[in-house]
Amino acid sequence: MSRRLRRLRDEGVIIADVSVVDPARLGRALTMHVLVEMEREGTAVLDALIDKLTARPEVQAAWYVTGDTDLILYVVVPTMEAYEVFTREMLNDDARVRAFKTLISIREVLPFDPARRALVR
């Protein structure tokens, strides 16, 4: 590793080195964006739900957002049956969840590219 890269990592400019895996090659072919509306908000309630959801391997990323939706989950599963199991175990009977809506990706039009990320200052 070059001294410059080491310095940039030490300074927090470079925060990660990543490998992007093709989910379809791993047998995970269905991508969903799940919009979760919470029954009520509060730091402890929110944190507990986030901890529960993000502990699952199906949840690849998650965002706490403004508006009618409280959380957006990026979920990848091999089949619809697996997604049904996920929703039953994680969302359907959780008293913290008022409602959720699933958006199923038809195809990826702009793949995630860490190098393309906007620089925020």
PDB file of N, CA and C in Angstrom:
ATOM      1  N   MET A   1       0.849  -1.171   0.000  1.00  0.00           N
ATOM      2  CA  MET A   1       0.000   0.000   0.000  1.00  0.00           C
ATOM      3  C   MET A   1       0.899   1.240   0.000  1.00  0.00           C
ATOM      4  N   SER A   2       0.551   2.186  -0.789  1.00  0.00           N
ATOM      5  CA  SER A   2       1.375   3.393  -0.876  1.00  0.00           C
ATOM      6  C   SER A   2       1.196   4.262   0.371  1.00  0.00           C
ATOM      7  N   ARG A   3       2.182   5.081   0.613  1.00  0.00           N
ATOM      8  CA  ARG A   3       2.111   5.993   1.766  1.00  0.00           C
ATOM      9  C   ARG A   3       0.931   6.953   1.629  1.00  0.00           C
ATOM     10  N   ARG A   4       0.677   7.389   0.410  1.00  0.00           N
ATOM     11  CA  ARG A   4      -0.430   8.330   0.199  1.00  0.00           C
ATOM     12  C   ARG A   4      -1.770   7.682   0.562  1.00  0.00           C
ATOM     13  N   LEU A   5      -1.997   6.443   0.109  1.00  0.00           N
ATOM     14  CA  LEU A   5      -3.244   5.754   0.450  1.00  0.00           C
ATOM     15  C   LEU A   5      -3.345   5.528   1.951  1.00  0.00           C
ATOM     16  N   ARG A   6      -2.256   5.128   2.565  1.00  0.00           N
ATOM     17  CA  ARG A   6      -2.252   4.903   4.014  1.00  0.00           C
ATOM     18  C   ARG A   6      -2.614   6.206   4.743  1.00  0.00           C
ATOM     19  N   ARG A   7      -2.030   7.323   4.300  1.00  0.00           N
ATOM     20  CA  ARG A   7      -2.314   8.616   4.923  1.00  0.00           C
ATOM     21  C   ARG A   7      -3.786   8.996   4.742  1.00  0.00           C
ATOM     22  N   LEU A   8      -4.329   8.795   3.536  1.00  0.00           N
ATOM     23  CA  LEU A   8      -5.735   9.121   3.279  1.00  0.00           C
ATOM     24  C   LEU A   8      -6.663   8.269   4.138  1.00  0.00           C
ATOM     25  N   ARG A   9      -6.318   7.013   4.345  1.00  0.00           N
ATOM     26  CA  ARG A   9      -7.113   6.156   5.230  1.00  0.00           C
ATOM     27  C   ARG A   9      -7.003   6.642   6.672  1.00  0.00           C
ATOM     28  N   ASP A  10      -5.798   6.938   7.104  1.00  0.00           N
ATOM     29  CA  ASP A  10      -5.581   7.416   8.472  1.00  0.00           C
ATOM     30  C   ASP A  10      -6.319   8.717   8.747  1.00  0.00           C
ATOM     31  N   GLU A  11      -6.431   9.569   7.729  1.00  0.00           N
ATOM     32  CA  GLU A  11      -7.119  10.856   7.876  1.00  0.00           C
ATOM     33  C   GLU A  11      -8.633  10.732   7.720  1.00  0.00           C
ATOM     34  N   GLY A  12      -9.117   9.549   7.375  1.00  0.00           N
ATOM     35  CA  GLY A  12     -10.551   9.350   7.213  1.00  0.00           C
ATOM     36  C   GLY A  12     -11.095   9.796   5.880  1.00  0.00           C
ATOM     37  N   VAL A  13     -10.222  10.153   4.937  1.00  0.00           N
ATOM     38  CA  VAL A  13     -10.672  10.538   3.597  1.00  0.00           C
ATOM     39  C   VAL A  13     -11.173   9.301   2.863  1.00  0.00           C
ATOM     40  N   ILE A  14     -10.404   8.230   2.905  1.00  0.00           N
ATOM     41  CA  ILE A  14     -10.846   6.940   2.370  1.00  0.00           C
ATOM     42  C   ILE A  14     -11.458   6.190   3.539  1.00  0.00           C
ATOM     43  N   ILE A  15     -12.749   5.892   3.425  1.00  0.00           N
ATOM     44  CA  ILE A  15     -13.433   5.247   4.546  1.00  0.00           C
ATOM     45  C   ILE A  15     -13.661   3.759   4.328  1.00  0.00           C
ATOM     46  N   ALA A  16     -13.493   3.270   3.080  1.00  0.00           N
ATOM     47  CA  ALA A  16     -13.713   1.847   2.844  1.00  0.00           C
ATOM     48  C   ALA A  16     -13.106   1.428   1.517  1.00  0.00           C
ATOM     49  N   ASP A  17     -12.677   0.196   1.475  1.00  0.00           N
ATOM     50  CA  ASP A  17     -12.297  -0.475   0.237  1.00  0.00           C
ATOM     51  C   ASP A  17     -13.316  -1.594   0.082  1.00  0.00           C
ATOM     52  N   VAL A  18     -14.034  -1.614  -1.035  1.00  0.00           N
ATOM     53  CA  VAL A  18     -15.141  -2.558  -1.158  1.00  0.00           C
ATOM     54  C   VAL A  18     -15.028  -3.415  -2.407  1.00  0.00           C
ATOM     55  N   SER A  19     -15.673  -4.569  -2.321  1.00  0.00           N
ATOM     56  CA  SER A  19     -15.893  -5.413  -3.486  1.00  0.00           C
ATOM     57  C   SER A  19     -17.396  -5.476  -3.680  1.00  0.00           C
ATOM     58  N   VAL A  20     -17.870  -5.218  -4.874  1.00  0.00           N
ATOM     59  CA  VAL A  20     -19.295  -5.269  -5.161  1.00  0.00           C
ATOM     60  C   VAL A  20     -19.583  -6.615  -5.801  1.00  0.00           C
ATOM     61  N   VAL A  21     -20.455  -7.389  -5.156  1.00  0.00           N
ATOM     62  CA  VAL A  21     -20.765  -8.745  -5.580  1.00  0.00           C
ATOM     63  C   VAL A  21     -22.068  -8.745  -6.367  1.00  0.00           C
ATOM     64  N   ASP A  22     -22.139  -9.552  -7.412  1.00  0.00           N
ATOM     65  CA  ASP A  22     -23.357  -9.705  -8.202  1.00  0.00           C
ATOM     66  C   ASP A  22     -24.294 -10.648  -7.448  1.00  0.00           C
ATOM     67  N   PRO A  23     -25.405 -10.143  -6.874  1.00  0.00           N
ATOM     68  CA  PRO A  23     -26.301 -10.991  -6.090  1.00  0.00           C
ATOM     69  C   PRO A  23     -26.853 -12.180  -6.872  1.00  0.00           C
ATOM     70  N   ALA A  24     -27.096 -12.026  -8.160  1.00  0.00           N
ATOM     71  CA  ALA A  24     -27.646 -13.121  -8.963  1.00  0.00           C
ATOM     72  C   ALA A  24     -26.692 -14.311  -9.007  1.00  0.00           C
ATOM     73  N   ARG A  25     -25.398 -14.047  -9.017  1.00  0.00           N
ATOM     74  CA  ARG A  25     -24.414 -15.135  -9.042  1.00  0.00           C
ATOM     75  C   ARG A  25     -24.366 -15.891  -7.718  1.00  0.00           C
ATOM     76  N   LEU A  26     -24.864 -15.272  -6.659  1.00  0.00           N
ATOM     77  CA  LEU A  26     -24.908 -15.924  -5.357  1.00  0.00           C
ATOM     78  C   LEU A  26     -26.254 -16.588  -5.103  1.00  0.00           C
ATOM     79  N   GLY A  27     -27.121 -16.573  -6.104  1.00  0.00           N
ATOM     80  CA  GLY A  27     -28.443 -17.152  -5.919  1.00  0.00           C
ATOM     81  C   GLY A  27     -29.423 -16.171  -5.294  1.00  0.00           C
ATOM     82  N   ARG A  28     -29.045 -14.918  -5.187  1.00  0.00           N
ATOM     83  CA  ARG A  28     -29.938 -13.882  -4.662  1.00  0.00           C
ATOM     84  C   ARG A  28     -30.301 -12.978  -5.826  1.00  0.00           C
ATOM     85  N   ALA A  29     -31.469 -13.191  -6.373  1.00  0.00           N
ATOM     86  CA  ALA A  29     -31.794 -12.515  -7.616  1.00  0.00           C
ATOM     87  C   ALA A  29     -32.872 -11.443  -7.493  1.00  0.00           C
ATOM     88  N   LEU A  30     -33.631 -11.422  -6.412  1.00  0.00           N
ATOM     89  CA  LEU A  30     -34.718 -10.450  -6.288  1.00  0.00           C
ATOM     90  C   LEU A  30     -34.306  -9.301  -5.379  1.00  0.00           C
ATOM     91  N   THR A  31     -34.446  -8.104  -5.905  1.00  0.00           N
ATOM     92  CA  THR A  31     -34.096  -6.910  -5.145  1.00  0.00           C
ATOM     93  C   THR A  31     -35.363  -6.125  -4.844  1.00  0.00           C
ATOM     94  N   MET A  32     -35.545  -5.791  -3.568  1.00  0.00           N
ATOM     95  CA  MET A  32     -36.709  -5.033  -3.133  1.00  0.00           C
ATOM     96  C   MET A  32     -36.262  -3.774  -2.400  1.00  0.00           C
ATOM     97  N   HIS A  33     -37.075  -2.741  -2.523  1.00  0.00           N
ATOM     98  CA  HIS A  33     -36.944  -1.570  -1.665  1.00  0.00           C
ATOM     99  C   HIS A  33     -38.210  -1.579  -0.819  1.00  0.00           C
ATOM    100  N   VAL A  34     -38.039  -1.672   0.477  1.00  0.00           N
ATOM    101  CA  VAL A  34     -39.172  -1.790   1.385  1.00  0.00           C
ATOM    102  C   VAL A  34     -39.305  -0.485   2.161  1.00  0.00           C
ATOM    103  N   LEU A  35     -40.457   0.148   2.019  1.00  0.00           N
ATOM    104  CA  LEU A  35     -40.743   1.399   2.711  1.00  0.00           C
ATOM    105  C   LEU A  35     -41.513   1.069   3.977  1.00  0.00           C
ATOM    106  N   VAL A  36     -40.928   1.361   5.124  1.00  0.00           N
ATOM    107  CA  VAL A  36     -41.515   0.995   6.413  1.00  0.00           C
ATOM    108  C   VAL A  36     -42.025   2.252   7.112  1.00  0.00           C
ATOM    109  N   GLU A  37     -43.295   2.194   7.513  1.00  0.00           N
ATOM    110  CA  GLU A  37     -43.900   3.273   8.292  1.00  0.00           C
ATOM    111  C   GLU A  37     -44.059   2.771   9.723  1.00  0.00           C
ATOM    112  N   MET A  38     -43.498   3.503  10.665  1.00  0.00           N
ATOM    113  CA  MET A  38     -43.544   3.076  12.060  1.00  0.00           C
ATOM    114  C   MET A  38     -44.846   3.502  12.724  1.00  0.00           C
ATOM    115  N   GLU A  39     -45.270   2.720  13.712  1.00  0.00           N
ATOM    116  CA  GLU A  39     -46.472   3.029  14.478  1.00  0.00           C
ATOM    117  C   GLU A  39     -46.271   4.312  15.276  1.00  0.00           C
ATOM    118  N   ARG A  40     -45.140   4.414  15.919  1.00  0.00           N
ATOM    119  CA  ARG A  40     -44.791   5.636  16.644  1.00  0.00           C
ATOM    120  C   ARG A  40     -43.278   5.750  16.642  1.00  0.00           C
ATOM    121  N   GLU A  41     -42.809   6.966  16.761  1.00  0.00           N
ATOM    122  CA  GLU A  41     -41.366   7.174  16.757  1.00  0.00           C
ATOM    123  C   GLU A  41     -40.882   7.501  18.153  1.00  0.00           C
ATOM    124  N   GLY A  42     -39.652   7.336  18.338  1.00  0.00           N
ATOM    125  CA  GLY A  42     -38.949   7.602  19.580  1.00  0.00           C
ATOM    126  C   GLY A  42     -37.589   6.959  19.413  1.00  0.00           C
ATOM    127  N   THR A  43     -36.596   7.531  20.011  1.00  0.00           N
ATOM    128  CA  THR A  43     -35.238   7.051  19.789  1.00  0.00           C
ATOM    129  C   THR A  43     -35.080   5.576  20.127  1.00  0.00           C
ATOM    130  N   ALA A  44     -35.573   5.156  21.282  1.00  0.00           N
ATOM    131  CA  ALA A  44     -35.409   3.755  21.700  1.00  0.00           C
ATOM    132  C   ALA A  44     -36.164   2.810  20.771  1.00  0.00           C
ATOM    133  N   VAL A  45     -37.388   3.189  20.400  1.00  0.00           N
ATOM    134  CA  VAL A  45     -38.203   2.359  19.506  1.00  0.00           C
ATOM    135  C   VAL A  45     -37.545   2.265  18.136  1.00  0.00           C
ATOM    136  N   LEU A  46     -37.119   3.395  17.615  1.00  0.00           N
ATOM    137  CA  LEU A  46     -36.464   3.434  16.311  1.00  0.00           C
ATOM    138  C   LEU A  46     -35.187   2.598  16.318  1.00  0.00           C
ATOM    139  N   ASP A  47     -34.343   2.812  17.320  1.00  0.00           N
ATOM    140  CA  ASP A  47     -33.076   2.078  17.388  1.00  0.00           C
ATOM    141  C   ASP A  47     -33.289   0.575  17.496  1.00  0.00           C
ATOM    142  N   ALA A  48     -34.285   0.158  18.279  1.00  0.00           N
ATOM    143  CA  ALA A  48     -34.563  -1.275  18.432  1.00  0.00           C
ATOM    144  C   ALA A  48     -35.020  -1.890  17.112  1.00  0.00           C
ATOM    145  N   LEU A  49     -35.879  -1.187  16.389  1.00  0.00           N
ATOM    146  CA  LEU A  49     -36.344  -1.705  15.100  1.00  0.00           C
ATOM    147  C   LEU A  49     -35.200  -1.745  14.092  1.00  0.00           C
ATOM    148  N   ILE A  50     -34.390  -0.704  14.051  1.00  0.00           N
ATOM    149  CA  ILE A  50     -33.240  -0.686  13.146  1.00  0.00           C
ATOM    150  C   ILE A  50     -32.292  -1.835  13.464  1.00  0.00           C
ATOM    151  N   ASP A  51     -32.009  -2.055  14.740  1.00  0.00           N
ATOM    152  CA  ASP A  51     -31.124  -3.161  15.131  1.00  0.00           C
ATOM    153  C   ASP A  51     -31.684  -4.505  14.681  1.00  0.00           C
ATOM    154  N   LYS A  52     -32.989  -4.697  14.866  1.00  0.00           N
ATOM    155  CA  LYS A  52     -33.629  -5.955  14.473  1.00  0.00           C
ATOM    156  C   LYS A  52     -33.530  -6.169  12.966  1.00  0.00           C
ATOM    157  N   LEU A  53     -33.879  -5.148  12.198  1.00  0.00           N
ATOM    158  CA  LEU A  53     -33.912  -5.293  10.745  1.00  0.00           C
ATOM    159  C   LEU A  53     -32.520  -5.431  10.139  1.00  0.00           C
ATOM    160  N   THR A  54     -31.581  -4.630  10.603  1.00  0.00           N
ATOM    161  CA  THR A  54     -30.251  -4.642   9.991  1.00  0.00           C
ATOM    162  C   THR A  54     -29.411  -5.844  10.409  1.00  0.00           C
ATOM    163  N   ALA A  55     -29.882  -6.612  11.361  1.00  0.00           N
ATOM    164  CA  ALA A  55     -29.181  -7.844  11.745  1.00  0.00           C
ATOM    165  C   ALA A  55     -29.419  -8.962  10.733  1.00  0.00           C
ATOM    166  N   ARG A  56     -30.419  -8.798   9.893  1.00  0.00           N
ATOM    167  CA  ARG A  56     -30.744  -9.838   8.916  1.00  0.00           C
ATOM    168  C   ARG A  56     -29.885  -9.696   7.669  1.00  0.00           C
ATOM    169  N   PRO A  57     -29.365 -10.815   7.139  1.00  0.00           N
ATOM    170  CA  PRO A  57     -28.515 -10.742   5.946  1.00  0.00           C
ATOM    171  C   PRO A  57     -29.259 -10.282   4.696  1.00  0.00           C
ATOM    172  N   GLU A  58     -30.571 -10.433   4.666  1.00  0.00           N
ATOM    173  CA  GLU A  58     -31.345  -9.976   3.512  1.00  0.00           C
ATOM    174  C   GLU A  58     -31.300  -8.458   3.372  1.00  0.00           C
ATOM    175  N   VAL A  59     -31.138  -7.756   4.480  1.00  0.00           N
ATOM    176  CA  VAL A  59     -31.107  -6.291   4.467  1.00  0.00           C
ATOM    177  C   VAL A  59     -29.685  -5.852   4.144  1.00  0.00           C
ATOM    178  N   GLN A  60     -29.507  -5.355   2.926  1.00  0.00           N
ATOM    179  CA  GLN A  60     -28.191  -4.959   2.441  1.00  0.00           C
ATOM    180  C   GLN A  60     -27.854  -3.513   2.783  1.00  0.00           C
ATOM    181  N   ALA A  61     -28.876  -2.685   2.950  1.00  0.00           N
ATOM    182  CA  ALA A  61     -28.684  -1.283   3.311  1.00  0.00           C
ATOM    183  C   ALA A  61     -30.006  -0.770   3.877  1.00  0.00           C
ATOM    184  N   ALA A  62     -29.926   0.315   4.631  1.00  0.00           N
ATOM    185  CA  ALA A  62     -31.139   0.895   5.217  1.00  0.00           C
ATOM    186  C   ALA A  62     -30.923   2.386   5.432  1.00  0.00           C
ATOM    187  N   TRP A  63     -32.016   3.130   5.322  1.00  0.00           N
ATOM    188  CA  TRP A  63     -31.975   4.578   5.510  1.00  0.00           C
ATOM    189  C   TRP A  63     -33.134   5.008   6.401  1.00  0.00           C
ATOM    190  N   TYR A  64     -32.884   5.916   7.312  1.00  0.00           N
ATOM    191  CA  TYR A  64     -33.910   6.586   8.106  1.00  0.00           C
ATOM    192  C   TYR A  64     -34.203   7.875   7.352  1.00  0.00           C
ATOM    193  N   VAL A  65     -35.454   8.088   6.947  1.00  0.00           N
ATOM    194  CA  VAL A  65     -35.783   9.179   6.035  1.00  0.00           C
ATOM    195  C   VAL A  65     -36.914  10.051   6.576  1.00  0.00           C
ATOM    196  N   THR A  66     -37.120  11.180   5.922  1.00  0.00           N
ATOM    197  CA  THR A  66     -38.216  12.073   6.276  1.00  0.00           C
ATOM    198  C   THR A  66     -39.442  11.724   5.435  1.00  0.00           C
ATOM    199  N   GLY A  67     -40.596  12.260   5.836  1.00  0.00           N
ATOM    200  CA  GLY A  67     -41.819  12.043   5.067  1.00  0.00           C
ATOM    201  C   GLY A  67     -42.698  10.976   5.696  1.00  0.00           C
ATOM    202  N   ASP A  68     -43.633  10.447   4.910  1.00  0.00           N
ATOM    203  CA  ASP A  68     -44.573   9.439   5.406  1.00  0.00           C
ATOM    204  C   ASP A  68     -43.881   8.128   5.753  1.00  0.00           C
ATOM    205  N   THR A  69     -42.814   7.829   5.050  1.00  0.00           N
ATOM    206  CA  THR A  69     -42.031   6.617   5.302  1.00  0.00           C
ATOM    207  C   THR A  69     -40.953   6.948   6.322  1.00  0.00           C
ATOM    208  N   ASP A  70     -40.709   6.014   7.237  1.00  0.00           N
ATOM    209  CA  ASP A  70     -39.669   6.231   8.248  1.00  0.00           C
ATOM    210  C   ASP A  70     -38.350   5.565   7.880  1.00  0.00           C
ATOM    211  N   LEU A  71     -38.436   4.360   7.328  1.00  0.00           N
ATOM    212  CA  LEU A  71     -37.239   3.608   6.959  1.00  0.00           C
ATOM    213  C   LEU A  71     -37.374   3.094   5.534  1.00  0.00           C
ATOM    214  N   ILE A  72     -36.277   3.083   4.809  1.00  0.00           N
ATOM    215  CA  ILE A  72     -36.221   2.419   3.509  1.00  0.00           C
ATOM    216  C   ILE A  72     -35.180   1.324   3.627  1.00  0.00           C
ATOM    217  N   LEU A  73     -35.592   0.108   3.311  1.00  0.00           N
ATOM    218  CA  LEU A  73     -34.698  -1.044   3.363  1.00  0.00           C
ATOM    219  C   LEU A  73     -34.383  -1.505   1.954  1.00  0.00           C
ATOM    220  N   TYR A  74     -33.139  -1.843   1.722  1.00  0.00           N
ATOM    221  CA  TYR A  74     -32.709  -2.455   0.462  1.00  0.00           C
ATOM    222  C   TYR A  74     -32.542  -3.935   0.776  1.00  0.00           C
ATOM    223  N   VAL A  75     -33.453  -4.756   0.259  1.00  0.00           N
ATOM    224  CA  VAL A  75     -33.524  -6.177   0.607  1.00  0.00           C
ATOM    225  C   VAL A  75     -33.248  -7.020  -0.630  1.00  0.00           C
ATOM    226  N   VAL A  76     -32.399  -8.034  -0.477  1.00  0.00           N
ATOM    227  CA  VAL A  76     -32.088  -8.956  -1.573  1.00  0.00           C
ATOM    228  C   VAL A  76     -32.371 -10.374  -1.089  1.00  0.00           C
ATOM    229  N   VAL A  77     -33.196 -11.099  -1.861  1.00  0.00           N
ATOM    230  CA  VAL A  77     -33.581 -12.475  -1.518  1.00  0.00           C
ATOM    231  C   VAL A  77     -33.551 -13.350  -2.770  1.00  0.00           C
ATOM    232  N   PRO A  78     -33.466 -14.678  -2.584  1.00  0.00           N
ATOM    233  CA  PRO A  78     -33.422 -15.558  -3.751  1.00  0.00           C
ATOM    234  C   PRO A  78     -34.785 -15.796  -4.405  1.00  0.00           C
ATOM    235  N   THR A  79     -35.863 -15.749  -3.610  1.00  0.00           N
ATOM    236  CA  THR A  79     -37.194 -16.075  -4.136  1.00  0.00           C
ATOM    237  C   THR A  79     -38.258 -15.231  -3.435  1.00  0.00           C
ATOM    238  N   MET A  80     -39.448 -15.205  -4.014  1.00  0.00           N
ATOM    239  CA  MET A  80     -40.572 -14.537  -3.361  1.00  0.00           C
ATOM    240  C   MET A  80     -40.945 -15.254  -2.074  1.00  0.00           C
ATOM    241  N   GLU A  81     -40.787 -16.567  -2.061  1.00  0.00           N
ATOM    242  CA  GLU A  81     -41.075 -17.327  -0.847  1.00  0.00           C
ATOM    243  C   GLU A  81     -40.156 -16.884   0.290  1.00  0.00           C
ATOM    244  N   ALA A  82     -38.892 -16.655  -0.030  1.00  0.00           N
ATOM    245  CA  ALA A  82     -37.944 -16.181   0.981  1.00  0.00           C
ATOM    246  C   ALA A  82     -38.327 -14.783   1.459  1.00  0.00           C
ATOM    247  N   TYR A  83     -38.833 -13.952   0.546  1.00  0.00           N
ATOM    248  CA  TYR A  83     -39.263 -12.613   0.946  1.00  0.00           C
ATOM    249  C   TYR A  83     -40.489 -12.694   1.855  1.00  0.00           C
ATOM    250  N   GLU A  84     -41.392 -13.615   1.554  1.00  0.00           N
ATOM    251  CA  GLU A  84     -42.562 -13.789   2.418  1.00  0.00           C
ATOM    252  C   GLU A  84     -42.135 -14.189   3.828  1.00  0.00           C
ATOM    253  N   VAL A  85     -41.180 -15.102   3.927  1.00  0.00           N
ATOM    254  CA  VAL A  85     -40.660 -15.499   5.242  1.00  0.00           C
ATOM    255  C   VAL A  85     -40.064 -14.284   5.954  1.00  0.00           C
ATOM    256  N   PHE A  86     -39.276 -13.507   5.229  1.00  0.00           N
ATOM    257  CA  PHE A  86     -38.674 -12.299   5.803  1.00  0.00           C
ATOM    258  C   PHE A  86     -39.749 -11.358   6.343  1.00  0.00           C
ATOM    259  N   THR A  87     -40.784 -11.080   5.549  1.00  0.00           N
ATOM    260  CA  THR A  87     -41.815 -10.133   6.000  1.00  0.00           C
ATOM    261  C   THR A  87     -42.599 -10.686   7.181  1.00  0.00           C
ATOM    262  N   ARG A  88     -42.865 -11.983   7.175  1.00  0.00           N
ATOM    263  CA  ARG A  88     -43.582 -12.587   8.306  1.00  0.00           C
ATOM    264  C   ARG A  88     -42.763 -12.477   9.589  1.00  0.00           C
ATOM    265  N   GLU A  89     -41.483 -12.775   9.484  1.00  0.00           N
ATOM    266  CA  GLU A  89     -40.622 -12.777  10.669  1.00  0.00           C
ATOM    267  C   GLU A  89     -40.242 -11.374  11.139  1.00  0.00           C
ATOM    268  N   MET A  90     -40.133 -10.433  10.225  1.00  0.00           N
ATOM    269  CA  MET A  90     -39.571  -9.134  10.579  1.00  0.00           C
ATOM    270  C   MET A  90     -40.574  -7.982  10.623  1.00  0.00           C
ATOM    271  N   LEU A  91     -41.656  -8.058   9.861  1.00  0.00           N
ATOM    272  CA  LEU A  91     -42.520  -6.887   9.725  1.00  0.00           C
ATOM    273  C   LEU A  91     -43.976  -7.122  10.123  1.00  0.00           C
ATOM    274  N   ASN A  92     -44.566  -8.223   9.683  1.00  0.00           N
ATOM    275  CA  ASN A  92     -46.010  -8.411   9.842  1.00  0.00           C
ATOM    276  C   ASN A  92     -46.505  -8.296  11.279  1.00  0.00           C
ATOM    277  N   ASP A  93     -45.836  -8.934  12.211  1.00  0.00           N
ATOM    278  CA  ASP A  93     -46.328  -8.968  13.589  1.00  0.00           C
ATOM    279  C   ASP A  93     -45.552  -8.071  14.543  1.00  0.00           C
ATOM    280  N   ASP A  94     -44.757  -7.172  14.014  1.00  0.00           N
ATOM    281  CA  ASP A  94     -43.993  -6.256  14.865  1.00  0.00           C
ATOM    282  C   ASP A  94     -44.868  -5.046  15.181  1.00  0.00           C
ATOM    283  N   ALA A  95     -45.158  -4.834  16.452  1.00  0.00           N
ATOM    284  CA  ALA A  95     -46.050  -3.746  16.874  1.00  0.00           C
ATOM    285  C   ALA A  95     -45.493  -2.366  16.530  1.00  0.00           C
ATOM    286  N   ARG A  96     -44.194  -2.274  16.272  1.00  0.00           N
ATOM    287  CA  ARG A  96     -43.589  -0.985  15.920  1.00  0.00           C
ATOM    288  C   ARG A  96     -43.857  -0.599  14.475  1.00  0.00           C
ATOM    289  N   VAL A  97     -44.283  -1.564  13.663  1.00  0.00           N
ATOM    290  CA  VAL A  97     -44.504  -1.333  12.237  1.00  0.00           C
ATOM    291  C   VAL A  97     -45.990  -1.099  11.981  1.00  0.00           C
ATOM    292  N   ARG A  98     -46.333   0.101  11.517  1.00  0.00           N
ATOM    293  CA  ARG A  98     -47.717   0.411  11.156  1.00  0.00           C
ATOM    294  C   ARG A  98     -48.048  -0.210   9.804  1.00  0.00           C
ATOM    295  N   ALA A  99     -47.141  -0.022   8.839  1.00  0.00           N
ATOM    296  CA  ALA A  99     -47.371  -0.529   7.488  1.00  0.00           C
ATOM    297  C   ALA A  99     -46.039  -0.591   6.761  1.00  0.00           C
ATOM    298  N   PHE A 100     -46.023  -1.385   5.700  1.00  0.00           N
ATOM    299  CA  PHE A 100     -44.852  -1.391   4.831  1.00  0.00           C
ATOM    300  C   PHE A 100     -45.301  -1.604   3.402  1.00  0.00           C
ATOM    301  N   LYS A 101     -44.509  -1.097   2.489  1.00  0.00           N
ATOM    302  CA  LYS A 101     -44.798  -1.189   1.060  1.00  0.00           C
ATOM    303  C   LYS A 101     -43.541  -1.705   0.381  1.00  0.00           C
ATOM    304  N   THR A 102     -43.723  -2.653  -0.527  1.00  0.00           N
ATOM    305  CA  THR A 102     -42.589  -3.259  -1.212  1.00  0.00           C
ATOM    306  C   THR A 102     -42.540  -2.814  -2.663  1.00  0.00           C
ATOM    307  N   LEU A 103     -41.380  -2.335  -3.079  1.00  0.00           N
ATOM    308  CA  LEU A 103     -41.129  -1.995  -4.476  1.00  0.00           C
ATOM    309  C   LEU A 103     -40.133  -3.025  -5.000  1.00  0.00           C
ATOM    310  N   ILE A 104     -40.544  -3.821  -5.973  1.00  0.00           N
ATOM    311  CA  ILE A 104     -39.683  -4.864  -6.529  1.00  0.00           C
ATOM    312  C   ILE A 104     -38.952  -4.302  -7.740  1.00  0.00           C
ATOM    313  N   SER A 105     -37.640  -4.429  -7.728  1.00  0.00           N
ATOM    314  CA  SER A 105     -36.837  -3.928  -8.851  1.00  0.00           C
ATOM    315  C   SER A 105     -37.014  -4.820 -10.066  1.00  0.00           C
ATOM    316  N   ILE A 106     -37.326  -4.221 -11.191  1.00  0.00           N
ATOM    317  CA  ILE A 106     -37.440  -4.957 -12.446  1.00  0.00           C
ATOM    318  C   ILE A 106     -36.057  -5.179 -13.042  1.00  0.00           C
ATOM    319  N   ARG A 107     -35.257  -4.110 -13.062  1.00  0.00           N
ATOM    320  CA  ARG A 107     -33.866  -4.244 -13.499  1.00  0.00           C
ATOM    321  C   ARG A 107     -33.082  -3.058 -12.963  1.00  0.00           C
ATOM    322  N   GLU A 108     -31.815  -3.252 -12.838  1.00  0.00           N
ATOM    323  CA  GLU A 108     -30.931  -2.198 -12.369  1.00  0.00           C
ATOM    324  C   GLU A 108     -30.551  -1.323 -13.558  1.00  0.00           C
ATOM    325  N   VAL A 109     -30.789  -0.027 -13.442  1.00  0.00           N
ATOM    326  CA  VAL A 109     -30.466   0.873 -14.549  1.00  0.00           C
ATOM    327  C   VAL A 109     -29.173   1.648 -14.311  1.00  0.00           C
ATOM    328  N   LEU A 110     -28.762   1.770 -13.063  1.00  0.00           N
ATOM    329  CA  LEU A 110     -27.487   2.403 -12.734  1.00  0.00           C
ATOM    330  C   LEU A 110     -26.887   1.636 -11.565  1.00  0.00           C
ATOM    331  N   PRO A 111     -25.941   0.758 -11.840  1.00  0.00           N
ATOM    332  CA  PRO A 111     -25.355  -0.042 -10.765  1.00  0.00           C
ATOM    333  C   PRO A 111     -24.644   0.836  -9.736  1.00  0.00           C
ATOM    334  N   PHE A 112     -24.660   0.360  -8.499  1.00  0.00           N
ATOM    335  CA  PHE A 112     -23.935   1.061  -7.445  1.00  0.00           C
ATOM    336  C   PHE A 112     -22.451   1.049  -7.770  1.00  0.00           C
ATOM    337  N   ASP A 113     -21.839   2.208  -7.692  1.00  0.00           N
ATOM    338  CA  ASP A 113     -20.411   2.342  -7.953  1.00  0.00           C
ATOM    339  C   ASP A 113     -19.834   3.257  -6.886  1.00  0.00           C
ATOM    340  N   PRO A 114     -19.102   2.707  -5.919  1.00  0.00           N
ATOM    341  CA  PRO A 114     -18.565   3.541  -4.843  1.00  0.00           C
ATOM    342  C   PRO A 114     -17.710   4.692  -5.357  1.00  0.00           C
ATOM    343  N   ALA A 115     -17.060   4.506  -6.490  1.00  0.00           N
ATOM    344  CA  ALA A 115     -16.216   5.562  -7.046  1.00  0.00           C
ATOM    345  C   ALA A 115     -17.052   6.731  -7.566  1.00  0.00           C
ATOM    346  N   ARG A 116     -18.328   6.503  -7.814  1.00  0.00           N
ATOM    347  CA  ARG A 116     -19.217   7.525  -8.371  1.00  0.00           C
ATOM    348  C   ARG A 116     -19.861   8.391  -7.290  1.00  0.00           C
ATOM    349  N   ARG A 117     -19.709   7.992  -6.050  1.00  0.00           N
ATOM    350  CA  ARG A 117     -20.341   8.727  -4.955  1.00  0.00           C
ATOM    351  C   ARG A 117     -19.934  10.194  -4.965  1.00  0.00           C
ATOM    352  N   ALA A 118     -20.904  11.031  -4.698  1.00  0.00           N
ATOM    353  CA  ALA A 118     -20.624  12.464  -4.610  1.00  0.00           C
ATOM    354  C   ALA A 118     -19.800  12.737  -3.357  1.00  0.00           C
ATOM    355  N   LEU A 119     -18.888  13.647  -3.480  1.00  0.00           N
ATOM    356  CA  LEU A 119     -18.101  14.052  -2.316  1.00  0.00           C
ATOM    357  C   LEU A 119     -18.898  15.066  -1.519  1.00  0.00           C
ATOM    358  N   VAL A 120     -19.035  14.821  -0.242  1.00  0.00           N
ATOM    359  CA  VAL A 120     -19.786  15.717   0.635  1.00  0.00           C
ATOM    360  C   VAL A 120     -18.796  16.422   1.549  1.00  0.00           C
ATOM    361  N   ARG A 121     -18.929  17.695   1.624  1.00  0.00           N
ATOM    362  CA  ARG A 121     -18.030  18.464   2.510  1.00  0.00           C
ATOM    363  C   ARG A 121     -18.831  19.224   3.521  1.00  0.00           C
TER     364      ARG A 121
END
